[in-house]
Amino acid sequence: MPKFLEARLRSQAASKGFTGERADRYVYGAMNNMGAMRGNQTTAKGERMQAKHERDAKAGRAKPTSLAVAIRERHPHKNLGKYLHRSKNSRSY
């Protein structure tokens, strides 16, 4: 499975507010629709996409594959952890 594509789609799912099973359906449904996967099996097209990404990353034309990095880079507040979102019972702001 193209790991770089999964990381990109997971970050998009997170930005849309999808979590859990809904995020999985978004990610794997998109990969199935574009032909990178067929069900739960990687296709030849998906393998070629991953190989091309790895070549591009080695040449410096693409970012290395990392799910955590992809999500953290897209988040506007980076890595603030528990201070990022206020709790439901908080009266601040």
Protein backbone atom coordinates (compact mmCIF):
# COMPACT_ATOMS: atom_id res chain seq x y z
CA MET A 1 0.00 0.00 0.00
CA PRO A 2 1.33 3.46 -0.78
CA LYS A 3 2.31 4.74 2.67
CA PHE A 4 2.78 8.33 1.52
CA LEU A 5 -0.72 8.33 0.05
CA GLU A 6 -2.21 6.84 3.21
CA ALA A 7 -0.51 9.54 5.30
CA ARG A 8 -1.78 12.28 3.02
CA LEU A 9 -5.34 10.92 3.02
CA ARG A 10 -5.33 10.41 6.81
CA SER A 11 -4.33 14.03 7.32
CA GLN A 12 -7.12 15.12 4.97
CA ALA A 13 -9.59 12.93 6.88
CA ALA A 14 -8.45 14.49 10.16
CA SER A 15 -8.87 17.99 8.76
CA LYS A 16 -12.43 17.05 7.74
CA GLY A 17 -13.11 15.85 11.28
CA PHE A 18 -13.28 12.13 10.49
CA THR A 19 -12.08 9.71 13.15
CA GLY A 20 -12.02 5.96 13.65
CA GLU A 21 -13.88 3.82 11.17
CA ARG A 22 -15.11 6.83 9.15
CA ALA A 23 -11.51 7.95 8.57
CA ASP A 24 -10.53 4.42 7.52
CA ARG A 25 -13.39 4.31 5.02
CA TYR A 26 -12.33 7.69 3.63
CA VAL A 27 -8.67 6.65 3.25
CA TYR A 28 -9.11 3.18 1.80
CA GLY A 29 -12.12 4.16 -0.30
CA ALA A 30 -10.08 6.91 -1.95
CA MET A 31 -7.17 4.54 -2.60
CA ASN A 32 -9.57 1.97 -4.09
CA ASN A 33 -11.19 4.65 -6.27
CA MET A 34 -7.86 5.84 -7.69
CA GLY A 35 -6.66 2.28 -8.31
CA ALA A 36 -3.84 2.14 -5.77
CA MET A 37 -5.60 -0.72 -4.00
CA ARG A 38 -8.16 -3.35 -4.88
CA GLY A 39 -10.05 -4.23 -1.71
CA ASN A 40 -7.30 -4.80 0.83
CA GLN A 41 -4.62 -5.72 -1.73
CA THR A 42 -2.11 -3.28 -3.20
CA THR A 43 -2.23 -3.10 -6.99
CA ALA A 44 0.68 -2.74 -9.39
CA LYS A 45 -0.27 0.92 -9.80
CA GLY A 46 -0.05 1.41 -6.03
CA GLU A 47 3.38 -0.22 -5.92
CA ARG A 48 4.58 2.04 -8.75
CA MET A 49 3.24 5.10 -6.93
CA GLN A 50 5.12 4.14 -3.75
CA ALA A 51 8.34 3.40 -5.66
CA LYS A 52 8.14 6.76 -7.44
CA HIS A 53 7.56 8.57 -4.15
CA GLU A 54 10.57 6.85 -2.59
CA ARG A 55 12.75 7.85 -5.58
CA ASP A 56 11.50 11.43 -5.34
CA ALA A 57 12.08 11.54 -1.57
CA LYS A 58 15.63 10.28 -2.02
CA ALA A 59 16.25 12.93 -4.68
CA GLY A 60 14.80 15.65 -2.43
CA ARG A 61 11.72 16.35 -4.54
CA ALA A 62 9.19 14.89 -2.04
CA LYS A 63 8.80 14.72 1.71
CA PRO A 64 9.70 11.44 3.45
CA THR A 65 6.78 9.21 4.40
CA SER A 66 5.62 9.57 7.98
CA LEU A 67 2.03 9.60 9.14
CA ALA A 68 2.76 11.48 12.37
CA VAL A 69 4.79 14.14 10.54
CA ALA A 70 2.10 14.58 7.89
CA ILE A 71 -0.63 15.16 10.47
CA ARG A 72 1.53 17.40 12.66
CA GLU A 73 2.60 19.59 9.72
CA ARG A 74 -0.96 20.18 8.60
CA HIS A 75 -2.22 21.13 12.05
CA PRO A 76 -2.23 24.91 12.53
CA HIS A 77 -0.98 24.77 16.14
CA LYS A 78 1.61 22.04 15.56
CA ASN A 79 2.16 20.01 18.73
CA LEU A 80 0.42 21.64 21.67
CA GLY A 81 -1.04 18.40 23.02
CA LYS A 82 -3.66 18.76 25.75
CA TYR A 83 -3.53 22.56 25.61
CA LEU A 84 -4.72 22.61 22.02
CA HIS A 85 -8.46 22.27 22.58
CA ARG A 86 -10.43 23.54 25.51
CA SER A 87 -12.45 21.06 27.52
CA LYS A 88 -16.23 20.98 27.40
CA ASN A 89 -16.55 22.24 30.97
CA SER A 90 -13.99 25.02 30.63
CA ARG A 91 -15.31 28.55 31.04
CA SER A 92 -12.27 30.19 29.48
CA TYR A 93 -12.55 32.00 26.14
